Amino acid sequence: MDQAALKKLPRGWKSIPSDLGSDQTAFKGVNWGKGMMWIFLLSDTFIFSCFLLSYMTGRGSTVQPWPNPSEVFALDAFGVPVPLLLIAIMTFVLITSSGTMAMAVKYGYEKNKKLCGIFLLLTALGGLTFVGMQAFEWSKLIHEGVRPWENPFGAPQFGSFFFMITGFHGTHVSIGVIFLFIFTRKVFRGDFDSGRKGYFTSMKSNYVAIEILGLYWHFVDLVWVFIFAFFYLW
């Protein structure tokens, strides 16, 4: 493109829609699956943002006392109630799984099948542990009388927000764990080395799929950080 044509192009903020409108050049070379995952994560960000904004609005507008998270989520350790003990362990496990996922992506691009599969398996076990502890947390609160429509600890809205937000996030983690186990099997079987086709698509698969799954898993971990801060620390 000559200098005269370049001078005619929009400048500043107006250049963004102009550049992105020329999708054949702006997105040339971007992996299709990776681009679609980013679009999905962006839409999911809006959903989680709406949930957290609704939680803040509901908590700020209620006239009844809001339950103290340190008391509601306390766990007995040797007969002594420890505030947020289970939540702290859950957070540690999930954040650690994000590190093992990053290692799986690294060894995937190095085509180290053994270590990639091991770190994928560790990530899946971490996610499974998180879901198990969350199920224990749900059963504990349900046993104590917390329901979506009532709450013995204070404001009745607490139960509905808790089960909706943590349940939606837990569903994401559960789906991620399923795919982590599937991808672990595919790695050890050598599907990404041979370019074997996937379960739901006729496209040949490679180690880029590990990175795409990693994007999803890191997003799930990041969302939990916000849930932890807004729901359990506020």
Protein backbone atom coordinates (compact mmCIF):
# COMPACT_ATOMS: atom_id res chain seq x y z
CA MET A 1 0.00 0.00 0.00
CA ASP A 2 1.42 3.38 -1.03
CA GLN A 3 1.76 6.42 1.26
CA ALA A 4 -1.23 8.21 -0.28
CA ALA A 5 -3.50 5.29 0.55
CA LEU A 6 -2.10 5.05 4.08
CA LYS A 7 -2.90 8.73 4.75
CA LYS A 8 -6.55 8.08 3.87
CA LEU A 9 -6.96 5.42 6.55
CA PRO A 10 -8.77 6.41 9.80
CA ARG A 11 -6.66 7.53 12.74
CA GLY A 12 -6.99 7.01 16.50
CA TRP A 13 -10.02 5.18 17.88
CA LYS A 14 -11.72 5.24 14.49
CA SER A 15 -9.01 2.96 13.15
CA ILE A 16 -10.10 0.04 15.39
CA PRO A 17 -13.40 -0.85 13.65
CA SER A 18 -11.74 -0.18 10.32
CA ASP A 19 -8.91 -2.59 11.05
CA LEU A 20 -11.11 -5.29 12.56
CA GLY A 21 -13.58 -4.95 9.71
CA SER A 22 -10.90 -6.20 7.33
CA ASP A 23 -11.01 -9.62 9.00
CA GLN A 24 -9.12 -11.36 6.22
CA THR A 25 -5.98 -9.45 7.20
CA ALA A 26 -6.56 -8.64 10.88
CA PHE A 27 -7.16 -12.28 11.84
CA LYS A 28 -4.99 -13.92 9.22
CA GLY A 29 -2.91 -16.69 10.75
CA VAL A 30 -4.94 -16.89 13.98
CA ASN A 31 -5.91 -20.45 14.88
CA TRP A 32 -9.65 -20.91 14.35
CA GLY A 33 -10.24 -22.80 17.59
CA LYS A 34 -8.24 -20.31 19.61
CA GLY A 35 -10.18 -17.38 18.18
CA MET A 36 -13.52 -19.05 18.90
CA MET A 37 -12.44 -19.81 22.48
CA TRP A 38 -11.57 -16.14 23.07
CA ILE A 39 -15.01 -15.13 21.77
CA PHE A 40 -16.67 -17.68 24.07
CA LEU A 41 -14.66 -16.48 27.08
CA LEU A 42 -15.62 -12.89 26.33
CA SER A 43 -19.31 -13.78 26.31
CA ASP A 44 -18.86 -15.81 29.49
CA THR A 45 -17.19 -12.81 31.12
CA PHE A 46 -20.37 -10.80 30.57
CA ILE A 47 -22.47 -13.53 32.22
CA PHE A 48 -20.27 -13.80 35.32
CA SER A 49 -20.09 -10.00 35.52
CA CYS A 50 -23.90 -9.81 35.53
CA PHE A 51 -24.04 -12.40 38.31
CA LEU A 52 -21.54 -10.55 40.48
CA LEU A 53 -23.19 -7.19 39.82
CA SER A 54 -26.54 -8.71 40.78
CA TYR A 55 -24.97 -10.07 43.96
CA MET A 56 -23.57 -6.66 44.90
CA THR A 57 -26.90 -4.98 44.13
CA GLY A 58 -28.87 -7.51 46.17
CA ARG A 59 -26.50 -7.34 49.10
CA GLY A 60 -26.39 -3.55 49.07
CA SER A 61 -30.17 -3.14 48.88
CA THR A 62 -31.28 -5.63 51.54
CA VAL A 63 -32.33 -4.26 54.93
CA GLN A 64 -31.63 -7.52 56.73
CA PRO A 65 -28.17 -8.31 58.11
CA TRP A 66 -25.95 -10.16 55.65
CA PRO A 67 -24.38 -13.40 56.96
CA ASN A 68 -20.77 -13.22 58.12
CA PRO A 69 -18.73 -15.41 55.71
CA SER A 70 -16.19 -16.18 58.45
CA GLU A 71 -18.95 -17.82 60.47
CA VAL A 72 -21.00 -19.38 57.68
CA PHE A 73 -18.01 -20.97 55.94
CA ALA A 74 -16.05 -21.92 59.06
CA LEU A 75 -14.84 -25.49 59.33
CA ASP A 76 -14.01 -27.34 62.53
CA ALA A 77 -10.38 -28.42 62.82
CA PHE A 78 -9.64 -30.49 65.95
CA GLY A 79 -12.75 -29.04 67.59
CA VAL A 80 -11.86 -25.42 66.82
CA PRO A 81 -13.85 -23.48 64.14
CA VAL A 82 -11.42 -22.08 61.55
CA PRO A 83 -12.88 -19.29 59.33
CA LEU A 84 -12.81 -20.00 55.58
CA LEU A 85 -10.54 -23.05 55.99
CA LEU A 86 -12.25 -25.10 53.29
CA ILE A 87 -12.47 -22.10 50.94
CA ALA A 88 -8.75 -21.41 51.36
CA ILE A 89 -7.90 -25.02 50.48
CA MET A 90 -10.24 -24.94 47.48
CA THR A 91 -8.63 -21.73 46.22
CA PHE A 92 -5.13 -23.12 46.68
CA VAL A 93 -6.00 -26.30 44.78
CA LEU A 94 -7.60 -24.44 41.87
CA ILE A 95 -4.79 -21.87 41.53
CA THR A 96 -2.22 -24.68 41.68
CA SER A 97 -4.07 -26.49 38.89
CA SER A 98 -3.64 -23.38 36.76
CA GLY A 99 0.14 -23.79 37.15
CA THR A 100 0.03 -27.46 36.16
CA MET A 101 -2.10 -26.52 33.15
CA ALA A 102 0.53 -24.02 32.05
CA MET A 103 3.19 -26.74 32.34
CA ALA A 104 1.03 -29.08 30.25
CA VAL A 105 0.81 -26.44 27.49
CA LYS A 106 4.59 -25.94 27.64
CA TYR A 107 5.40 -29.63 27.29
CA GLY A 108 2.68 -30.01 24.68
CA TYR A 109 4.39 -27.52 22.37
CA GLU A 110 7.67 -29.30 23.07
CA LYS A 111 5.88 -32.53 22.04
CA ASN A 112 6.88 -34.17 25.29
CA LYS A 113 3.94 -36.58 25.41
CA LYS A 114 4.74 -38.09 28.80
CA LEU A 115 5.11 -34.87 30.81
CA CYS A 116 2.26 -33.16 28.98
CA GLY A 117 -0.06 -36.03 29.87
CA ILE A 118 1.12 -36.12 33.49
CA PHE A 119 0.49 -32.41 34.03
CA LEU A 120 -2.88 -32.65 32.30
CA LEU A 121 -3.79 -35.49 34.65
CA LEU A 122 -2.64 -33.47 37.68
CA THR A 123 -4.77 -30.55 36.50
CA ALA A 124 -7.80 -32.82 36.11
CA LEU A 125 -7.28 -34.27 39.59
CA GLY A 126 -6.98 -30.76 41.02
CA GLY A 127 -10.24 -29.73 39.36
CA LEU A 128 -11.92 -32.91 40.56
CA THR A 129 -10.74 -32.21 44.10
CA PHE A 130 -12.15 -28.69 43.88
CA VAL A 131 -15.55 -29.96 42.71
CA GLY A 132 -15.59 -32.55 45.49
CA MET A 133 -14.86 -29.94 48.15
CA GLN A 134 -17.52 -27.67 46.68
CA ALA A 135 -20.04 -30.51 46.88
CA PHE A 136 -19.09 -30.96 50.53
CA GLU A 137 -19.58 -27.23 51.10
CA TRP A 138 -23.03 -27.35 49.49
CA SER A 139 -24.11 -30.37 51.53
CA LYS A 140 -22.87 -28.71 54.75
CA LEU A 141 -24.88 -25.53 54.13
CA ILE A 142 -27.97 -27.45 53.00
CA HIS A 143 -27.75 -29.52 56.19
CA GLU A 144 -27.58 -26.27 58.18
CA GLY A 145 -30.79 -25.03 56.54
CA VAL A 146 -29.54 -22.77 53.74
CA ARG A 147 -31.91 -22.78 50.75
CA PRO A 148 -32.33 -20.53 47.70
CA TRP A 149 -35.45 -19.08 49.35
CA GLU A 150 -34.36 -18.98 53.00
CA ASN A 151 -31.28 -18.67 55.16
CA PRO A 152 -30.96 -19.16 58.94
CA PHE A 153 -27.85 -16.98 59.07
CA GLY A 154 -29.49 -13.74 57.91
CA ALA A 155 -30.75 -12.27 54.64
CA PRO A 156 -32.71 -14.88 52.64
CA GLN A 157 -31.15 -13.70 49.36
CA PHE A 158 -27.84 -15.17 50.48
CA GLY A 159 -28.81 -18.74 49.58
CA SER A 160 -30.03 -17.93 46.08
CA PHE A 161 -26.90 -15.93 45.22
CA PHE A 162 -24.61 -18.56 46.72
CA PHE A 163 -26.09 -21.55 44.88
CA MET A 164 -26.46 -19.65 41.60
CA ILE A 165 -22.95 -18.19 41.42
CA THR A 166 -20.95 -21.08 42.86
CA GLY A 167 -23.12 -23.60 41.00
CA PHE A 168 -22.58 -21.90 37.65
CA HIS A 169 -18.84 -21.74 38.27
CA GLY A 170 -18.78 -25.34 39.51
CA THR A 171 -20.48 -26.43 36.29
CA HIS A 172 -17.68 -24.77 34.32
CA VAL A 173 -15.07 -26.56 36.41
CA SER A 174 -16.85 -29.90 35.98
CA ILE A 175 -16.98 -29.51 32.19
CA GLY A 176 -13.29 -28.58 32.20
CA VAL A 177 -12.42 -31.67 34.25
CA ILE A 178 -14.24 -33.92 31.77
CA PHE A 179 -12.29 -32.48 28.85
CA LEU A 180 -9.03 -32.64 30.82
CA PHE A 181 -9.47 -36.38 31.28
CA ILE A 182 -10.39 -36.76 27.58
CA PHE A 183 -7.33 -34.79 26.50
CA THR A 184 -5.10 -36.74 28.89
CA ARG A 185 -6.17 -39.95 27.18
CA LYS A 186 -5.62 -38.41 23.76
CA VAL A 187 -2.11 -37.27 24.72
CA PHE A 188 -1.02 -40.65 26.07
CA ARG A 189 -2.58 -42.37 23.04
CA GLY A 190 -0.56 -40.13 20.72
CA ASP A 191 -3.51 -38.47 18.98
CA PHE A 192 -1.81 -35.06 18.86
CA ASP A 193 1.38 -36.55 17.40
CA SER A 194 -0.43 -38.44 14.65
CA GLY A 195 -3.00 -35.72 13.92
CA ARG A 196 -5.90 -38.01 14.73
CA LYS A 197 -9.37 -36.50 14.31
CA GLY A 198 -11.32 -35.41 17.37
CA TYR A 199 -14.52 -36.85 18.87
CA PHE A 200 -16.94 -34.17 17.69
CA THR A 201 -15.20 -32.81 14.60
CA SER A 202 -13.63 -34.02 11.39
CA MET A 203 -10.70 -31.62 11.88
CA LYS A 204 -7.31 -33.10 12.70
CA SER A 205 -6.09 -32.31 16.19
CA ASN A 206 -2.68 -31.13 17.40
CA TYR A 207 -1.09 -29.71 20.54
CA VAL A 208 -2.71 -26.30 19.94
CA ALA A 209 -5.83 -27.93 21.40
CA ILE A 210 -4.01 -28.16 24.73
CA GLU A 211 -3.45 -24.40 24.71
CA ILE A 212 -7.11 -23.77 23.83
CA LEU A 213 -8.20 -25.94 26.75
CA GLY A 214 -5.68 -24.06 28.89
CA LEU A 215 -7.32 -20.74 28.01
CA TYR A 216 -10.63 -22.09 29.29
CA TRP A 217 -9.07 -23.45 32.48
CA HIS A 218 -7.19 -20.23 33.29
CA PHE A 219 -10.43 -18.30 32.77
CA VAL A 220 -12.26 -20.57 35.22
CA ASP A 221 -9.49 -20.02 37.77
CA LEU A 222 -9.56 -16.25 37.26
CA VAL A 223 -13.33 -16.12 37.75
CA TRP A 224 -12.95 -17.99 41.04
CA VAL A 225 -10.58 -15.27 42.28
CA PHE A 226 -13.36 -12.70 41.81
CA ILE A 227 -15.97 -14.98 43.41
CA PHE A 228 -13.62 -15.58 46.33
CA ALA A 229 -13.05 -11.85 46.79
CA PHE A 230 -16.66 -10.72 46.42
CA PHE A 231 -18.48 -13.61 48.08
CA TYR A 232 -16.17 -14.93 50.77
CA LEU A 233 -14.05 -11.92 51.79
CA TRP A 234 -16.58 -9.08 51.51
